[in-house]
Every structure is written in structure tokens, then in C-alpha cells.
Amino acid sequence: MATRSQNKPPLTSAPPPPAPRSPSNKKDNIDEIPIDKRRKIGSGKMVGPANSGRTRQAFSVVNAGQDLAAGYPASTASSECGGIEFTLEDVEALLNEKMKGKNKFDYKGKCEQMTEYVKKLRLCLKWFIEREDNHVFEQEKLKNMVESTEKERDELEMQMKNKEEEANNIIAELRKNYASLEARCTKEEADKLAAFESNKREKDARVAAESAKASLSDELKKTCEELSSANQKISAVNEMYKRLQEYNTSLQQYNSKLQTEVASSNETLKRVEKEKAAIVENLSTLRGHYNSLQDQLTYSRASQEEAIKQREALVNEVGSLRGELLQVRDDRDRQLLQDTCSSQRNQIQTLQHQLATANEKLQRVDLSVLQTRTEYEEQKKVIEDLNNCLADAELQIIEADKLRKKLHNTILELKGNIRVFCRVRPLLLDDGASSETTVISYPTSTEALGRGIDIVQNGQKHPFTFDQVFSHEASQQDVFVEISQLVQSALDGYKVCIFAYGQTGSGKTYTMMGKPEAQEQKGLIPRSLEQIFQISQALISQGWKYKMQASMLEIYNETIRDLLSTNRSNGSDISRADNGVAGKQYAIKHDANGNTYVSDLTIVDVCSINEISSLLWQASQNRSVGKTQMNEQSSRSHFVFTLRISGVNESTEQQVQGVLNLIDLAGSERLSKSGSTGDRLKETQAINLSLKCLSDVIFSLAKKEDHVPFRNSKLTYLLQPCLGGDSKTLMFVNISPSPSSVGESLCSLRFAARVNACEIGIPRRQTNMRPLDSRLSYG
């Protein structure tokens, strides 16, 4: 006998069909069903395709054309209701049908009608039972589908958890890569500085070598000149030697001449002797005449003797004169020759010694020049290699800087919360505490190094961890290096907000403003602006052109004051509670794009750092300050500096809009410590109230509440895009190391920890937007 399951198509992974029922059982069950427990039919038609795939006809149609019992024999259930569908109207008509006879006592006709009615009821009940079985089957099928769907959901959840773990691993790896890249960057910068120093030393060595070479060249030139002068002296000595030889020859000639004169004198003497002999002969011949001429002869003898004496005297004198002359000549010649020879010998020795020294110097100079030239070539090659390495290092630094910027922005976008830096000011003499009573320490573990800070109160240590912790030894440059990339994001088209928080006298204004007149003590605001203008000038070569607008305001006693207005009073007159300029409202407005504007605020187009410096000086002069027991120059208002940046790249036609908000909050203080009265009391109450509103906003963001009370204070309403929007936000928490301020410092650190846990919107870069409105946006 056929069952109802035979009319159903086979299904994979479906539960087994219900147990078959025989017609007799169905009949018995139908007979056993009480009338009041029949299933009620809902509204609508219960029409559906048959399990066999054939189209069922409505019961009214079938009933109208043929007999139910004839068309559907009772032998099988599937043949009885396989092609019939019951509608609500059919069932209601069947239930409301009444037995009619020819008359009141026509029981036979009524019985026949009742038989037909019972057959219809049975057919309807069989159809309902079949629909119920189908419903159970479909229900089990749906249950299986739900179970399979739940399994798939569990698998998807496992896959999502695995992907989340993979994402966390990727983030950790990115952080490690970021740290390694920062270390590499630092190493590359150190190598670059070392290369610069080596290049400088080599340049100095090259300059020294060149100066040594120049000095050696000068000495060589002098030596060559001395050598030429020595050669000239040698030639002069040779010429003098030649002249001396000529003089010696002339002396020899003169000697020979003198000898010739001596010979002539001897001949003259011989002639005189001959004359004497002749005279003697004449005397002998004239002896006869001697007597007569005795007197004459005597006279002649006397004259002759005298003449002989004179002749002998003259001969002796001539001989002595000749001897003296010869001796003098010999002595003079000998002395002159000896002196000349000795002097010339000395000069020759001196010149030879100088020549040898000059040759040695020349050889040393040649060797030194050769060595210097070799060293110069080697140094030149080393310098070229270093320049190549330097160029490669600069390229690597540029690529690493690009990657670091990308990773930096990626990490900030993935992090999605407010970054917090902590800075501890140095211990001052006014604090009245010694260096031994320190309440602040810094952990040295690898995980907390540079990020952790411990504060001790009543003997109990309270540890905190932030994105960065600066000790009292950190300089202004050290602090600025850590935020320089965040400032760069403003040029890239992001909204950036940096604000300083802390108690009065903790160093907020020094961190933000510093002392602009001293280069080493400039704060974050002037350093950030210098970097903005330097990078914007450097990006001109890449096709970028930037326009910048600046504004400065303060919130004093819940009143906005324009610090750049030319019609307001000086900031020292803090007793005034008006807006500073009559007729201006300075209302805070937010537009649909998430930008914030302050109406009637003075906006200045700036093109250079000098213009910004003058505006900062003007704002510092107009800002409200006062004296309290905690600080000699206490800021009595919240200072807000805003720079709106609009950049256009002419080559790529890309536009970016960035906003840089730099905020110096007023310091929180206890009335018992500050001793404020009168106007100072009102100022302190207003400052503490606005900071409490800021903490309420932070706590609401941390708890992810639906309503965040931004409107409770003008400060929080102005900072709404920075705290709850898509801005890159950084908070500096400044604390004092004084033991008397440990309570306030602990409160500040707890507040900063709560701020660091807040999740805000993911920073969004503003690009390809229409030109800026003339008004200035705060975020």
C-alpha cells in the first residue's frame, strides 16, 4: 500500500520521513478526533504545489464537476487528495453545509447526503494530515538549515577571530617594523652625521694638505731662488777667480818689469863705473894738470865722492825700496789671495751646504708632494665613496621617511584614540624641596622605557603608561621631534589638534610657547610653524602651493576674546568681562561637514614665519594673565591658535585642506593653594568648571555613551571636532615634580590615562574639495 512519503521528491541531508500510515489507521484517527479539537484554518488560501509536482485544483472546482467518491477512491490516500486543494471558503462552506431532504421526514435522502458529506470531511481531513506531515518535514528541514547556518556562523566567527588575530599580529609586526625603521632612521641619521663629520675632517685635512703644499711650494720657490742666487755667487766667484788669475798674471808681468828695471839699473851702474874708470883715466891724464887744477880736482873728488855717496845712497834706497816694494807686493798678493781664497772657500762651502740642504728639502718636498698627492687622491676617492654612500643614505632616509609617514598614519588610523604625552618640568628653587625627596621615577624595563612614569603618594606607588614620557631633562627640541610628524599631517590634509593640560605652574605655556626670542627655548607652537613653512617651501619643487590663514582667541570666564583684534584692550586688564570689541558675538558654529567656525573672528592671511611671529607676540601681549600664590605669571584663560592650510598641486590637480589647532589650556588649581579672591576667584571657578566639563566629555567618550555633553562649555563645544570627530589629537599632560603638588599631579595623570583610553573617529584626509570659504575652520 502506498504511503504519503512516496509523493515527495528525494532530498539530500534531509531527515527521514514520518512513519507511513495505513488508510485504516487514518480512518480510525479521523474518527477519534473530537469535533471541538479540529484545527482552525487561518486567513488566506492554503494552496501550494503538490509533492508529486502536479498542479492541484481547487476543491470547489473539483466538487462542481464530478462526484468526490467516484473521482477519488478510498483505497489510497494519495489518490484521494493528490490533486485537490482546499480553500478557506471551501472549508467554511463544508462546515456550514446542511442536510436537506425532500421533506422533513426524508431520512434516506439526508443519509445519502450525510454519506457524501462524511466522504468530503474525510478527504479534507486527509488533506490536512498530509499538509501537517509536509509542515513537519519542512520544519525539520528548516531546523537542519538553521543548524547548518549556525555551524557556518560559528565557522565565520572562528574565521573572523583568526582574521582579527592576524590583524593584531600584522599591527604588532607593523609596530615592530615602525620601531625598527625608527631605529634604522636614527642609525642612518647618526651615520649621516658621522659621514658629515668625516667629510668635514677630510675637508679640513685636505685644506691643511693644500696649505702645506702651498707652504712647501713657497719653500721650494725660495730654495730655487736661493739656488739660483748661489749659482750666481758661484759664477761670480769663478769670475773673481779668473780676475785674480789675471791679476796674478799682471803681478808676474809687473815683477818681470821690475826685474827688467833692476837689470837696466845694473847696466846704468856699470856705465857709471865705466865713466868712473874713464874719469880715473882722465885724472891720470890730467894729473899733470893736477896741481893746477888741484883745487878743482879736490872739489871734483869731493863732488865725485858726494856723487858716489849719493849714487850709493840712491842705489841702496832703490834696493831697499825694491825689496820693500816686492815684500809689500808679495804680502799684499799673498794676503789678498789667502783672504779671497778663504772667503771664497767659505762661501763655496756655505753654498755647497745650502745646495745640499736645498736638494734634501727639494727631495723631501717632492716626496711630501707625492705623498700628499697620493693621500689627496685616496681622500678624494674616499670622499666620492662617502658622497655616494651619503646620497644612497639620503635616498634610503627619504624612502624610510615616506614609509614611516605611511606607517605612522596607518598606526594612528588603526589606533583611533587620543594620543597622550607626559612631560615633567624640572624641580625649581621655589618648590622648596631637595633633590632627595623625589616623588616621581621612571621605570627602566624594556616595555615601559620612555613610556612609563611612577608617582609616589603617602608611600604608595602609582604606575602610569602613556605614548611617550619626557623627563625633566628633555629639551624643547626633544619634545618637538616626537610631534613633528603629527604637524606634518596638517600639510598632508588632516585635522590636527595638540593641547596642553595640567595644574597651574606645571609648564604648559613653556611647552607650547616657550621663549620665542631664544632659539633653544622655543616652544611647540613656533617650532611647528617654522616646520610648516619650511616644508611648504620645499614642496614647491614638487608642484605644491599652499595658502595659510591664522587666528588666535582665548576663552576667558566662558567668553571668547579675539586676540588679534586691533580694537580690544590689553590682556593685562583682565578685569574686563566683555568680548573685547563691542557689537561682535563670536558665536561657535558647526557645519554639516564637521567643520567649526567662530563668527566675527579676525582671520589673517600669513605667508612667512615673521608674520606669524609678530602675530604670536601680539596675542601674548593681549592674553589674560595674573599673579597667584602658585604662579607669578599664571594664564587665566584657554589660548587657541588655529592655522588653516589649503594646498593645491598644479601637476596632479590634487587639493588638500588641513587644520592645525594648538591649544594652551588654563591650569587647574585648588582655591586653598592659589589663595584667589575677587576677580581671581571668579577666574579660577570658570577655569575649573570648563576643565570639569572637559573631563565629563572625556568620560562620556570613554564609556561610549550616546550623549556627549559638548555644549556644557564653550571650550568643549569648540573642541568637539577634535575630541569626537575625525581629527588626529594629541594631549600633553604637564606635571610638577614638587612633593607639595603630588595630589594634583596624580589627578592629572589619572585624567590623562582616561583620555588615552578614549576612542574617537578614524582620522580622515580632506582632499579634492572645493575652494575654501573665507572663514576659518577649527576642525
Foldseek 3Di string as FASTA:
>chain_A
DDFLVVLADDDPPFDDADDGDALVRLVVVVVPDDPVPDDDDDPDFPADAARNRDAADEPVVVVVPDQLCVQAPSRDLCSNQVRYGYTPVNVVCLVPDDQDDPDPPRVVSSVVVVVSSVSVVSNVVSVVVSVVSVVVRVVRVVVVVVVVVVVVVVVVVVVVVVVVVVVVVVLVVLVVVLVVLVVVLVVLVVVLVVLVVVVVVLVVVLVVLVVVLVVLVVVLVVLVVLLVVLVVVVVVLVVVVVVLVVVVVVVVVVVVVVVVVVVVVVVVVVVVVVVVVVVVVVCVVCVVVCVVCVVVVVVVVVVVVVVVVVVVVVVVVVVVVVVVVVVVVVVVSVVVVVVSVVVVVVSVVVSVVSNVVSVVSVVVSVVSVVVSVVVVVVSVVVNVVSVVVSVVSVVVSVVSVVVSLVSVLVSLLVLQAAAEEEEFADADVVLVDDPVPFQKDADDDPVRVQFKIWGDDPNDIDIDGGPGYHYNPDFQVNVLVVCQSVLVVLVQFFEEEEEEAAAWPLCLCQQAAFDVVDPRSGHNPLVSVQSVLVVQVVCVVVQKDKWKKKFKWWQFLLEIEGLQDPQFDWQQPNVDDHRRDPPARQDWDADPVGWIFTPPHDMDIDNDSVVVVVSVVSSVRRFHWPCWQNDGTFGLIKMKMKMWMWMARPVVRKIHIGMYIYIYAGRQDDCVRRVDDDPRVSSNVSSVQVVVLVLQQLVCQLVVPPDRPQVPGPVSVLCVCVRAHQHRHYYYYGDYRRPVCSVRSVVSSVSSSSSRNGRHHRIDGGMDDDDDDPTDTND
